[in-house]
Amino acid sequence: MDDATGTLRPDDRNQYTLELRKDGVASLRLGCNRATGSWTAESASDRNSGRFIFGPLAGTRAMCPPQSLDSKIMAQAPYVRAYLLRNGRLHLSLMADGGILVWEPAYR
């Protein structure tokens, strides 16, 4: 939510994926790195929003190009506290208005 940072978008959004499995495992592809860990969510009465928390994420540490968002996303993941489903996208809000990670569905 820092206006100085603005909106950051990956050069190739297909290099950034988030899979939330029913068994509570999250798998992320973050540019040239991968991460896995746990996740939990509790929906609000509208079922389009609610609480969301990643558990500890274990990730690879390859040296990605400077424009990669891998280290930013890994650093922010522990601070995700809420979700909102809107316009077909998953918005993950960081605590203390720290920002929003937006994920869109992968079309195969």
PDB file of N, CA and C in Angstrom:
ATOM      1  N   MET A   1       0.812  -1.190   0.000  1.00  0.00           N
ATOM      2  CA  MET A   1       0.000   0.000   0.000  1.00  0.00           C
ATOM      3  C   MET A   1       0.860   1.260   0.000  1.00  0.00           C
ATOM      4  N   ASP A   2       2.147   1.096  -0.133  1.00  0.00           N
ATOM      5  CA  ASP A   2       3.069   2.226  -0.185  1.00  0.00           C
ATOM      6  C   ASP A   2       2.987   2.853  -1.567  1.00  0.00           C
ATOM      7  N   ASP A   3       2.494   4.074  -1.643  1.00  0.00           N
ATOM      8  CA  ASP A   3       2.353   4.731  -2.938  1.00  0.00           C
ATOM      9  C   ASP A   3       3.682   4.891  -3.648  1.00  0.00           C
ATOM     10  N   ALA A   4       4.776   4.963  -2.901  1.00  0.00           N
ATOM     11  CA  ALA A   4       6.097   5.087  -3.529  1.00  0.00           C
ATOM     12  C   ALA A   4       6.446   3.822  -4.294  1.00  0.00           C
ATOM     13  N   THR A   5       5.982   2.667  -3.813  1.00  0.00           N
ATOM     14  CA  THR A   5       6.242   1.398  -4.495  1.00  0.00           C
ATOM     15  C   THR A   5       5.351   1.246  -5.712  1.00  0.00           C
ATOM     16  N   GLY A   6       4.105   1.627  -5.584  1.00  0.00           N
ATOM     17  CA  GLY A   6       3.171   1.504  -6.691  1.00  0.00           C
ATOM     18  C   GLY A   6       2.781   0.054  -6.927  1.00  0.00           C
ATOM     19  N   THR A   7       2.348  -0.226  -8.143  1.00  0.00           N
ATOM     20  CA  THR A   7       1.924  -1.566  -8.521  1.00  0.00           C
ATOM     21  C   THR A   7       3.077  -2.279  -9.212  1.00  0.00           C
ATOM     22  N   LEU A   8       3.411  -3.456  -8.718  1.00  0.00           N
ATOM     23  CA  LEU A   8       4.459  -4.277  -9.323  1.00  0.00           C
ATOM     24  C   LEU A   8       3.807  -5.443 -10.033  1.00  0.00           C
ATOM     25  N   ARG A   9       4.205  -5.676 -11.262  1.00  0.00           N
ATOM     26  CA  ARG A   9       3.678  -6.801 -12.040  1.00  0.00           C
ATOM     27  C   ARG A   9       4.853  -7.586 -12.598  1.00  0.00           C
ATOM     28  N   PRO A  10       4.735  -8.911 -12.604  1.00  0.00           N
ATOM     29  CA  PRO A  10       5.817  -9.708 -13.198  1.00  0.00           C
ATOM     30  C   PRO A  10       5.864  -9.533 -14.710  1.00  0.00           C
ATOM     31  N   ASP A  11       7.068  -9.665 -15.259  1.00  0.00           N
ATOM     32  CA  ASP A  11       7.216  -9.602 -16.716  1.00  0.00           C
ATOM     33  C   ASP A  11       6.420 -10.707 -17.392  1.00  0.00           C
ATOM     34  N   ASP A  12       6.441 -11.900 -16.797  1.00  0.00           N
ATOM     35  CA  ASP A  12       5.722 -13.056 -17.339  1.00  0.00           C
ATOM     36  C   ASP A  12       4.888 -13.657 -16.223  1.00  0.00           C
ATOM     37  N   ARG A  13       3.609 -13.341 -16.205  1.00  0.00           N
ATOM     38  CA  ARG A  13       2.761 -13.817 -15.105  1.00  0.00           C
ATOM     39  C   ARG A  13       2.651 -15.327 -15.049  1.00  0.00           C
ATOM     40  N   ASN A  14       2.954 -16.024 -16.137  1.00  0.00           N
ATOM     41  CA  ASN A  14       2.928 -17.488 -16.119  1.00  0.00           C
ATOM     42  C   ASN A  14       4.057 -18.065 -15.277  1.00  0.00           C
ATOM     43  N   GLN A  15       5.039 -17.240 -14.928  1.00  0.00           N
ATOM     44  CA  GLN A  15       6.153 -17.678 -14.082  1.00  0.00           C
ATOM     45  C   GLN A  15       5.819 -17.581 -12.592  1.00  0.00           C
ATOM     46  N   TYR A  16       4.628 -17.090 -12.279  1.00  0.00           N
ATOM     47  CA  TYR A  16       4.202 -16.907 -10.893  1.00  0.00           C
ATOM     48  C   TYR A  16       2.854 -17.586 -10.710  1.00  0.00           C
ATOM     49  N   THR A  17       2.848 -18.692  -9.989  1.00  0.00           N
ATOM     50  CA  THR A  17       1.606 -19.425  -9.771  1.00  0.00           C
ATOM     51  C   THR A  17       1.448 -19.771  -8.300  1.00  0.00           C
ATOM     52  N   LEU A  18       0.227 -19.907  -7.885  1.00  0.00           N
ATOM     53  CA  LEU A  18      -0.118 -20.293  -6.525  1.00  0.00           C
ATOM     54  C   LEU A  18      -1.172 -21.382  -6.622  1.00  0.00           C
ATOM     55  N   GLU A  19      -0.871 -22.541  -6.054  1.00  0.00           N
ATOM     56  CA  GLU A  19      -1.840 -23.631  -5.989  1.00  0.00           C
ATOM     57  C   GLU A  19      -2.180 -23.856  -4.528  1.00  0.00           C
ATOM     58  N   LEU A  20      -3.459 -23.759  -4.196  1.00  0.00           N
ATOM     59  CA  LEU A  20      -3.938 -23.998  -2.841  1.00  0.00           C
ATOM     60  C   LEU A  20      -4.697 -25.316  -2.850  1.00  0.00           C
ATOM     61  N   ARG A  21      -4.062 -26.344  -2.329  1.00  0.00           N
ATOM     62  CA  ARG A  21      -4.680 -27.666  -2.355  1.00  0.00           C
ATOM     63  C   ARG A  21      -5.655 -27.833  -1.193  1.00  0.00           C
ATOM     64  N   LYS A  22      -6.614 -28.724  -1.388  1.00  0.00           N
ATOM     65  CA  LYS A  22      -7.621 -28.984  -0.359  1.00  0.00           C
ATOM     66  C   LYS A  22      -7.031 -29.544   0.919  1.00  0.00           C
ATOM     67  N   ASP A  23      -5.859 -30.196   0.818  1.00  0.00           N
ATOM     68  CA  ASP A  23      -5.234 -30.766   2.011  1.00  0.00           C
ATOM     69  C   ASP A  23      -4.445 -29.735   2.818  1.00  0.00           C
ATOM     70  N   GLY A  24      -4.556 -28.448   2.458  1.00  0.00           N
ATOM     71  CA  GLY A  24      -3.896 -27.390   3.213  1.00  0.00           C
ATOM     72  C   GLY A  24      -2.467 -27.109   2.801  1.00  0.00           C
ATOM     73  N   VAL A  25      -2.049 -27.630   1.657  1.00  0.00           N
ATOM     74  CA  VAL A  25      -0.697 -27.394   1.155  1.00  0.00           C
ATOM     75  C   VAL A  25      -0.754 -26.314   0.069  1.00  0.00           C
ATOM     76  N   ALA A  26       0.138 -25.339   0.191  1.00  0.00           N
ATOM     77  CA  ALA A  26       0.283 -24.290  -0.817  1.00  0.00           C
ATOM     78  C   ALA A  26       1.567 -24.543  -1.593  1.00  0.00           C
ATOM     79  N   SER A  27       1.477 -24.482  -2.918  1.00  0.00           N
ATOM     80  CA  SER A  27       2.651 -24.614  -3.783  1.00  0.00           C
ATOM     81  C   SER A  27       2.748 -23.349  -4.627  1.00  0.00           C
ATOM     82  N   LEU A  28       3.918 -22.733  -4.600  1.00  0.00           N
ATOM     83  CA  LEU A  28       4.123 -21.498  -5.339  1.00  0.00           C
ATOM     84  C   LEU A  28       5.272 -21.648  -6.319  1.00  0.00           C
ATOM     85  N   ARG A  29       5.082 -21.101  -7.487  1.00  0.00           N
ATOM     86  CA  ARG A  29       6.159 -20.935  -8.458  1.00  0.00           C
ATOM     87  C   ARG A  29       6.400 -19.437  -8.516  1.00  0.00           C
ATOM     88  N   LEU A  30       7.619 -19.039  -8.206  1.00  0.00           N
ATOM     89  CA  LEU A  30       7.943 -17.615  -8.096  1.00  0.00           C
ATOM     90  C   LEU A  30       9.130 -17.308  -8.993  1.00  0.00           C
ATOM     91  N   GLY A  31       8.860 -17.115 -10.254  1.00  0.00           N
ATOM     92  CA  GLY A  31       9.953 -16.877 -11.193  1.00  0.00           C
ATOM     93  C   GLY A  31      10.811 -18.116 -11.294  1.00  0.00           C
ATOM     94  N   CYS A  32      12.072 -18.002 -10.934  1.00  0.00           N
ATOM     95  CA  CYS A  32      12.980 -19.149 -11.028  1.00  0.00           C
ATOM     96  C   CYS A  32      13.027 -19.957  -9.730  1.00  0.00           C
ATOM     97  N   ASN A  33      12.203 -19.635  -8.760  1.00  0.00           N
ATOM     98  CA  ASN A  33      12.177 -20.354  -7.492  1.00  0.00           C
ATOM     99  C   ASN A  33      10.829 -21.016  -7.248  1.00  0.00           C
ATOM    100  N   ARG A  34      10.822 -21.930  -6.303  1.00  0.00           N
ATOM    101  CA  ARG A  34       9.610 -22.642  -5.891  1.00  0.00           C
ATOM    102  C   ARG A  34       9.511 -22.562  -4.369  1.00  0.00           C
ATOM    103  N   ALA A  35       8.291 -22.667  -3.870  1.00  0.00           N
ATOM    104  CA  ALA A  35       8.067 -22.684  -2.429  1.00  0.00           C
ATOM    105  C   ALA A  35       6.871 -23.573  -2.137  1.00  0.00           C
ATOM    106  N   THR A  36       6.874 -24.120  -0.945  1.00  0.00           N
ATOM    107  CA  THR A  36       5.748 -24.936  -0.499  1.00  0.00           C
ATOM    108  C   THR A  36       5.575 -24.741   1.003  1.00  0.00           C
ATOM    109  N   GLY A  37       4.359 -24.892   1.454  1.00  0.00           N
ATOM    110  CA  GLY A  37       4.057 -24.750   2.875  1.00  0.00           C
ATOM    111  C   GLY A  37       2.575 -24.987   3.093  1.00  0.00           C
ATOM    112  N   SER A  38       2.092 -24.548   4.228  1.00  0.00           N
ATOM    113  CA  SER A  38       0.687 -24.764   4.560  1.00  0.00           C
ATOM    114  C   SER A  38      -0.094 -23.456   4.424  1.00  0.00           C
ATOM    115  N   TRP A  39      -1.411 -23.612   4.376  1.00  0.00           N
ATOM    116  CA  TRP A  39      -2.302 -22.456   4.354  1.00  0.00           C
ATOM    117  C   TRP A  39      -3.594 -22.811   5.068  1.00  0.00           C
ATOM    118  N   THR A  40      -4.236 -21.804   5.641  1.00  0.00           N
ATOM    119  CA  THR A  40      -5.551 -21.970   6.242  1.00  0.00           C
ATOM    120  C   THR A  40      -6.396 -20.746   5.882  1.00  0.00           C
ATOM    121  N   ALA A  41      -7.681 -20.961   5.817  1.00  0.00           N
ATOM    122  CA  ALA A  41      -8.608 -19.866   5.537  1.00  0.00           C
ATOM    123  C   ALA A  41      -9.903 -20.108   6.288  1.00  0.00           C
ATOM    124  N   GLU A  42     -10.515 -19.027   6.718  1.00  0.00           N
ATOM    125  CA  GLU A  42     -11.844 -19.055   7.327  1.00  0.00           C
ATOM    126  C   GLU A  42     -12.680 -18.013   6.607  1.00  0.00           C
ATOM    127  N   SER A  43     -13.746 -18.449   5.969  1.00  0.00           N
ATOM    128  CA  SER A  43     -14.550 -17.505   5.192  1.00  0.00           C
ATOM    129  C   SER A  43     -15.482 -16.699   6.087  1.00  0.00           C
ATOM    130  N   ALA A  44     -15.761 -15.483   5.643  1.00  0.00           N
ATOM    131  CA  ALA A  44     -16.753 -14.632   6.294  1.00  0.00           C
ATOM    132  C   ALA A  44     -18.136 -15.071   5.820  1.00  0.00           C
ATOM    133  N   SER A  45     -19.154 -14.457   6.330  1.00  0.00           N
ATOM    134  CA  SER A  45     -20.518 -14.857   5.962  1.00  0.00           C
ATOM    135  C   SER A  45     -20.798 -14.682   4.474  1.00  0.00           C
ATOM    136  N   ASP A  46     -20.110 -13.762   3.800  1.00  0.00           N
ATOM    137  CA  ASP A  46     -20.330 -13.573   2.365  1.00  0.00           C
ATOM    138  C   ASP A  46     -19.633 -14.637   1.517  1.00  0.00           C
ATOM    139  N   ARG A  47     -18.771 -15.435   2.118  1.00  0.00           N
ATOM    140  CA  ARG A  47     -18.013 -16.527   1.484  1.00  0.00           C
ATOM    141  C   ARG A  47     -17.081 -16.050   0.374  1.00  0.00           C
ATOM    142  N   ASN A  48     -16.969 -14.742   0.164  1.00  0.00           N
ATOM    143  CA  ASN A  48     -16.042 -14.180  -0.814  1.00  0.00           C
ATOM    144  C   ASN A  48     -14.852 -13.498  -0.162  1.00  0.00           C
ATOM    145  N   SER A  49     -14.833 -13.510   1.162  1.00  0.00           N
ATOM    146  CA  SER A  49     -13.737 -12.884   1.886  1.00  0.00           C
ATOM    147  C   SER A  49     -13.557 -13.625   3.199  1.00  0.00           C
ATOM    148  N   GLY A  50     -12.485 -13.300   3.881  1.00  0.00           N
ATOM    149  CA  GLY A  50     -12.245 -13.916   5.174  1.00  0.00           C
ATOM    150  C   GLY A  50     -10.791 -13.857   5.576  1.00  0.00           C
ATOM    151  N   ARG A  51     -10.470 -14.651   6.569  1.00  0.00           N
ATOM    152  CA  ARG A  51      -9.121 -14.715   7.114  1.00  0.00           C
ATOM    153  C   ARG A  51      -8.306 -15.700   6.290  1.00  0.00           C
ATOM    154  N   PHE A  52      -7.039 -15.390   6.069  1.00  0.00           N
ATOM    155  CA  PHE A  52      -6.143 -16.268   5.310  1.00  0.00           C
ATOM    156  C   PHE A  52      -4.751 -16.157   5.906  1.00  0.00           C
ATOM    157  N   ILE A  53      -4.118 -17.299   6.131  1.00  0.00           N
ATOM    158  CA  ILE A  53      -2.761 -17.309   6.680  1.00  0.00           C
ATOM    159  C   ILE A  53      -1.942 -18.410   6.010  1.00  0.00           C
ATOM    160  N   PHE A  54      -0.752 -18.033   5.586  1.00  0.00           N
ATOM    161  CA  PHE A  54       0.226 -19.022   5.145  1.00  0.00           C
ATOM    162  C   PHE A  54       0.980 -19.509   6.375  1.00  0.00           C
ATOM    163  N   GLY A  55       1.250 -20.819   6.433  1.00  0.00           N
ATOM    164  CA  GLY A  55       2.175 -21.333   7.422  1.00  0.00           C
ATOM    165  C   GLY A  55       3.587 -21.080   6.904  1.00  0.00           C
ATOM    166  N   PRO A  56       4.587 -21.578   7.596  1.00  0.00           N
ATOM    167  CA  PRO A  56       5.956 -21.392   7.112  1.00  0.00           C
ATOM    168  C   PRO A  56       6.118 -21.951   5.695  1.00  0.00           C
ATOM    169  N   LEU A  57       6.768 -21.180   4.840  1.00  0.00           N
ATOM    170  CA  LEU A  57       7.040 -21.610   3.471  1.00  0.00           C
ATOM    171  C   LEU A  57       8.519 -21.963   3.341  1.00  0.00           C
ATOM    172  N   ALA A  58       8.774 -23.115   2.754  1.00  0.00           N
ATOM    173  CA  ALA A  58      10.147 -23.512   2.429  1.00  0.00           C
ATOM    174  C   ALA A  58      10.334 -23.272   0.945  1.00  0.00           C
ATOM    175  N   GLY A  59      11.413 -22.596   0.591  1.00  0.00           N
ATOM    176  CA  GLY A  59      11.611 -22.266  -0.814  1.00  0.00           C
ATOM    177  C   GLY A  59      13.033 -22.458  -1.274  1.00  0.00           C
ATOM    178  N   THR A  60      13.163 -22.568  -2.585  1.00  0.00           N
ATOM    179  CA  THR A  60      14.493 -22.635  -3.178  1.00  0.00           C
ATOM    180  C   THR A  60      15.072 -21.218  -3.187  1.00  0.00           C
ATOM    181  N   ARG A  61      16.382 -21.122  -3.416  1.00  0.00           N
ATOM    182  CA  ARG A  61      17.047 -19.820  -3.358  1.00  0.00           C
ATOM    183  C   ARG A  61      17.935 -19.575  -4.568  1.00  0.00           C
ATOM    184  N   ALA A  62      17.417 -19.882  -5.736  1.00  0.00           N
ATOM    185  CA  ALA A  62      18.182 -19.619  -6.955  1.00  0.00           C
ATOM    186  C   ALA A  62      18.289 -18.111  -7.161  1.00  0.00           C
ATOM    187  N   MET A  63      19.336 -17.692  -7.809  1.00  0.00           N
ATOM    188  CA  MET A  63      19.522 -16.271  -8.121  1.00  0.00           C
ATOM    189  C   MET A  63      18.692 -15.928  -9.355  1.00  0.00           C
ATOM    190  N   CYS A  64      17.585 -15.265  -9.135  1.00  0.00           N
ATOM    191  CA  CYS A  64      16.710 -14.857 -10.226  1.00  0.00           C
ATOM    192  C   CYS A  64      17.176 -13.515 -10.783  1.00  0.00           C
ATOM    193  N   PRO A  65      16.719 -13.163 -11.971  1.00  0.00           N
ATOM    194  CA  PRO A  65      17.056 -11.843 -12.522  1.00  0.00           C
ATOM    195  C   PRO A  65      16.593 -10.732 -11.572  1.00  0.00           C
ATOM    196  N   PRO A  66      17.227  -9.559 -11.634  1.00  0.00           N
ATOM    197  CA  PRO A  66      16.897  -8.465 -10.705  1.00  0.00           C
ATOM    198  C   PRO A  66      15.420  -8.059 -10.690  1.00  0.00           C
ATOM    199  N   GLN A  67      14.721  -8.165 -11.799  1.00  0.00           N
ATOM    200  CA  GLN A  67      13.317  -7.743 -11.849  1.00  0.00           C
ATOM    201  C   GLN A  67      12.362  -8.789 -11.270  1.00  0.00           C
ATOM    202  N   SER A  68      12.869  -9.936 -10.858  1.00  0.00           N
ATOM    203  CA  SER A  68      12.029 -10.999 -10.318  1.00  0.00           C
ATOM    204  C   SER A  68      11.357 -10.547  -9.020  1.00  0.00           C
ATOM    205  N   LEU A  69      10.131 -11.019  -8.816  1.00  0.00           N
ATOM    206  CA  LEU A  69       9.376 -10.697  -7.608  1.00  0.00           C
ATOM    207  C   LEU A  69       9.434 -11.809  -6.572  1.00  0.00           C
ATOM    208  N   ASP A  70      10.267 -12.828  -6.798  1.00  0.00           N
ATOM    209  CA  ASP A  70      10.297 -13.988  -5.903  1.00  0.00           C
ATOM    210  C   ASP A  70      10.617 -13.609  -4.462  1.00  0.00           C
ATOM    211  N   SER A  71      11.662 -12.838  -4.233  1.00  0.00           N
ATOM    212  CA  SER A  71      12.058 -12.515  -2.858  1.00  0.00           C
ATOM    213  C   SER A  71      11.027 -11.604  -2.194  1.00  0.00           C
ATOM    214  N   LYS A  72      10.398 -10.720  -2.945  1.00  0.00           N
ATOM    215  CA  LYS A  72       9.365  -9.848  -2.381  1.00  0.00           C
ATOM    216  C   LYS A  72       8.165 -10.666  -1.918  1.00  0.00           C
ATOM    217  N   ILE A  73       7.713 -11.595  -2.759  1.00  0.00           N
ATOM    218  CA  ILE A  73       6.551 -12.412  -2.398  1.00  0.00           C
ATOM    219  C   ILE A  73       6.872 -13.307  -1.204  1.00  0.00           C
ATOM    220  N   MET A  74       8.047 -13.921  -1.198  1.00  0.00           N
ATOM    221  CA  MET A  74       8.434 -14.777  -0.065  1.00  0.00           C
ATOM    222  C   MET A  74       8.515 -13.964   1.228  1.00  0.00           C
ATOM    223  N   ALA A  75       9.007 -12.742   1.152  1.00  0.00           N
ATOM    224  CA  ALA A  75       9.109 -11.895   2.341  1.00  0.00           C
ATOM    225  C   ALA A  75       7.731 -11.450   2.831  1.00  0.00           C
ATOM    226  N   GLN A  76       6.784 -11.265   1.915  1.00  0.00           N
ATOM    227  CA  GLN A  76       5.457 -10.771   2.283  1.00  0.00           C
ATOM    228  C   GLN A  76       4.497 -11.875   2.715  1.00  0.00           C
ATOM    229  N   ALA A  77       4.699 -13.088   2.258  1.00  0.00           N
ATOM    230  CA  ALA A  77       3.758 -14.185   2.537  1.00  0.00           C
ATOM    231  C   ALA A  77       3.434 -14.355   4.026  1.00  0.00           C
ATOM    232  N   PRO A  78       4.402 -14.267   4.934  1.00  0.00           N
ATOM    233  CA  PRO A  78       4.047 -14.432   6.353  1.00  0.00           C
ATOM    234  C   PRO A  78       3.111 -13.354   6.896  1.00  0.00           C
ATOM    235  N   TYR A  79       2.945 -12.270   6.169  1.00  0.00           N
ATOM    236  CA  TYR A  79       2.117 -11.160   6.632  1.00  0.00           C
ATOM    237  C   TYR A  79       0.730 -11.132   5.998  1.00  0.00           C
ATOM    238  N   VAL A  80       0.400 -12.140   5.192  1.00  0.00           N
ATOM    239  CA  VAL A  80      -0.950 -12.228   4.624  1.00  0.00           C
ATOM    240  C   VAL A  80      -1.915 -12.552   5.756  1.00  0.00           C
ATOM    241  N   ARG A  81      -3.007 -11.802   5.820  1.00  0.00           N
ATOM    242  CA  ARG A  81      -3.982 -12.011   6.884  1.00  0.00           C
ATOM    243  C   ARG A  81      -5.417 -12.172   6.403  1.00  0.00           C
ATOM    244  N   ALA A  82      -5.710 -11.784   5.155  1.00  0.00           N
ATOM    245  CA  ALA A  82      -7.096 -11.842   4.697  1.00  0.00           C
ATOM    246  C   ALA A  82      -7.144 -12.093   3.200  1.00  0.00           C
ATOM    247  N   TYR A  83      -8.300 -12.560   2.754  1.00  0.00           N
ATOM    248  CA  TYR A  83      -8.493 -12.765   1.318  1.00  0.00           C
ATOM    249  C   TYR A  83      -9.809 -12.148   0.873  1.00  0.00           C
ATOM    250  N   LEU A  84      -9.869 -11.860  -0.419  1.00  0.00           N
ATOM    251  CA  LEU A  84     -11.079 -11.386  -1.063  1.00  0.00           C
ATOM    252  C   LEU A  84     -11.102 -11.977  -2.457  1.00  0.00           C
ATOM    253  N   LEU A  85     -12.208 -12.600  -2.822  1.00  0.00           N
ATOM    254  CA  LEU A  85     -12.418 -13.096  -4.186  1.00  0.00           C
ATOM    255  C   LEU A  85     -13.251 -12.056  -4.916  1.00  0.00           C
ATOM    256  N   ARG A  86     -12.659 -11.455  -5.954  1.00  0.00           N
ATOM    257  CA  ARG A  86     -13.366 -10.416  -6.697  1.00  0.00           C
ATOM    258  C   ARG A  86     -12.938 -10.443  -8.162  1.00  0.00           C
ATOM    259  N   ASN A  87     -13.917 -10.386  -9.031  1.00  0.00           N
ATOM    260  CA  ASN A  87     -13.671 -10.380 -10.478  1.00  0.00           C
ATOM    261  C   ASN A  87     -12.795 -11.558 -10.918  1.00  0.00           C
ATOM    262  N   GLY A  88     -13.006 -12.715 -10.319  1.00  0.00           N
ATOM    263  CA  GLY A  88     -12.271 -13.912 -10.696  1.00  0.00           C
ATOM    264  C   GLY A  88     -10.840 -13.949 -10.194  1.00  0.00           C
ATOM    265  N   ARG A  89     -10.466 -13.029  -9.324  1.00  0.00           N
ATOM    266  CA  ARG A  89      -9.095 -12.975  -8.804  1.00  0.00           C
ATOM    267  C   ARG A  89      -9.088 -13.165  -7.293  1.00  0.00           C
ATOM    268  N   LEU A  90      -7.978 -13.713  -6.805  1.00  0.00           N
ATOM    269  CA  LEU A  90      -7.767 -13.877  -5.374  1.00  0.00           C
ATOM    270  C   LEU A  90      -6.864 -12.751  -4.900  1.00  0.00           C
ATOM    271  N   HIS A  91      -7.378 -11.915  -4.013  1.00  0.00           N
ATOM    272  CA  HIS A  91      -6.632 -10.795  -3.442  1.00  0.00           C
ATOM    273  C   HIS A  91      -6.227 -11.202  -2.026  1.00  0.00           C
ATOM    274  N   LEU A  92      -4.939 -11.263  -1.769  1.00  0.00           N
ATOM    275  CA  LEU A  92      -4.431 -11.593  -0.444  1.00  0.00           C
ATOM    276  C   LEU A  92      -3.884 -10.317   0.185  1.00  0.00           C
ATOM    277  N   SER A  93      -4.514  -9.874   1.263  1.00  0.00           N
ATOM    278  CA  SER A  93      -4.159  -8.614   1.913  1.00  0.00           C
ATOM    279  C   SER A  93      -3.126  -8.843   3.006  1.00  0.00           C
ATOM    280  N   LEU A  94      -2.123  -7.977   3.019  1.00  0.00           N
ATOM    281  CA  LEU A  94      -1.091  -8.032   4.042  1.00  0.00           C
ATOM    282  C   LEU A  94      -1.537  -7.231   5.266  1.00  0.00           C
ATOM    283  N   MET A  95      -1.030  -7.611   6.428  1.00  0.00           N
ATOM    284  CA  MET A  95      -1.404  -6.910   7.653  1.00  0.00           C
ATOM    285  C   MET A  95      -0.938  -5.456   7.612  1.00  0.00           C
ATOM    286  N   ALA A  96      -1.599  -4.622   8.380  1.00  0.00           N
ATOM    287  CA  ALA A  96      -1.272  -3.204   8.541  1.00  0.00           C
ATOM    288  C   ALA A  96      -1.215  -2.464   7.209  1.00  0.00           C
ATOM    289  N   ASP A  97      -2.131  -2.797   6.304  1.00  0.00           N
ATOM    290  CA  ASP A  97      -2.186  -2.145   4.988  1.00  0.00           C
ATOM    291  C   ASP A  97      -0.852  -2.215   4.256  1.00  0.00           C
ATOM    292  N   GLY A  98      -0.154  -3.343   4.414  1.00  0.00           N
ATOM    293  CA  GLY A  98       1.165  -3.510   3.807  1.00  0.00           C
ATOM    294  C   GLY A  98       1.144  -3.781   2.319  1.00  0.00           C
ATOM    295  N   GLY A  99      -0.018  -4.063   1.756  1.00  0.00           N
ATOM    296  CA  GLY A  99      -0.113  -4.326   0.327  1.00  0.00           C
ATOM    297  C   GLY A  99      -1.099  -5.436   0.045  1.00  0.00           C
ATOM    298  N   ILE A 100      -1.252  -5.740  -1.225  1.00  0.00           N
ATOM    299  CA  ILE A 100      -2.166  -6.789  -1.663  1.00  0.00           C
ATOM    300  C   ILE A 100      -1.476  -7.592  -2.763  1.00  0.00           C
ATOM    301  N   LEU A 101      -1.474  -8.908  -2.600  1.00  0.00           N
ATOM    302  CA  LEU A 101      -0.974  -9.813  -3.634  1.00  0.00           C
ATOM    303  C   LEU A 101      -2.186 -10.297  -4.409  1.00  0.00           C
ATOM    304  N   VAL A 102      -2.201 -10.082  -5.706  1.00  0.00           N
ATOM    305  CA  VAL A 102      -3.351 -10.453  -6.531  1.00  0.00           C
ATOM    306  C   VAL A 102      -2.962 -11.615  -7.435  1.00  0.00           C
ATOM    307  N   TRP A 103      -3.766 -12.672  -7.394  1.00  0.00           N
ATOM    308  CA  TRP A 103      -3.544 -13.868  -8.199  1.00  0.00           C
ATOM    309  C   TRP A 103      -4.761 -14.066  -9.090  1.00  0.00           C
ATOM    310  N   GLU A 104      -4.527 -14.390 -10.337  1.00  0.00           N
ATOM    311  CA  GLU A 104      -5.635 -14.688 -11.243  1.00  0.00           C
ATOM    312  C   GLU A 104      -5.583 -16.148 -11.641  1.00  0.00           C
ATOM    313  N   PRO A 105      -6.714 -16.719 -12.038  1.00  0.00           N
ATOM    314  CA  PRO A 105      -6.731 -18.151 -12.365  1.00  0.00           C
ATOM    315  C   PRO A 105      -5.829 -18.466 -13.564  1.00  0.00           C
ATOM    316  N   ALA A 106      -5.238 -19.636 -13.510  1.00  0.00           N
ATOM    317  CA  ALA A 106      -4.447 -20.120 -14.638  1.00  0.00           C
ATOM    318  C   ALA A 106      -5.415 -20.783 -15.608  1.00  0.00           C
ATOM    319  N   TYR A 107      -5.293 -20.443 -16.853  1.00  0.00           N
ATOM    320  CA  TYR A 107      -6.146 -21.046 -17.870  1.00  0.00           C
ATOM    321  C   TYR A 107      -5.308 -22.052 -18.626  1.00  0.00           C
ATOM    322  N   ARG A 108      -5.777 -23.273 -18.636  1.00  0.00           N
ATOM    323  CA  ARG A 108      -5.021 -24.348 -19.290  1.00  0.00           C
ATOM    324  C   ARG A 108      -5.699 -24.806 -20.522  1.00  0.00           C
TER     325      ARG A 108
END
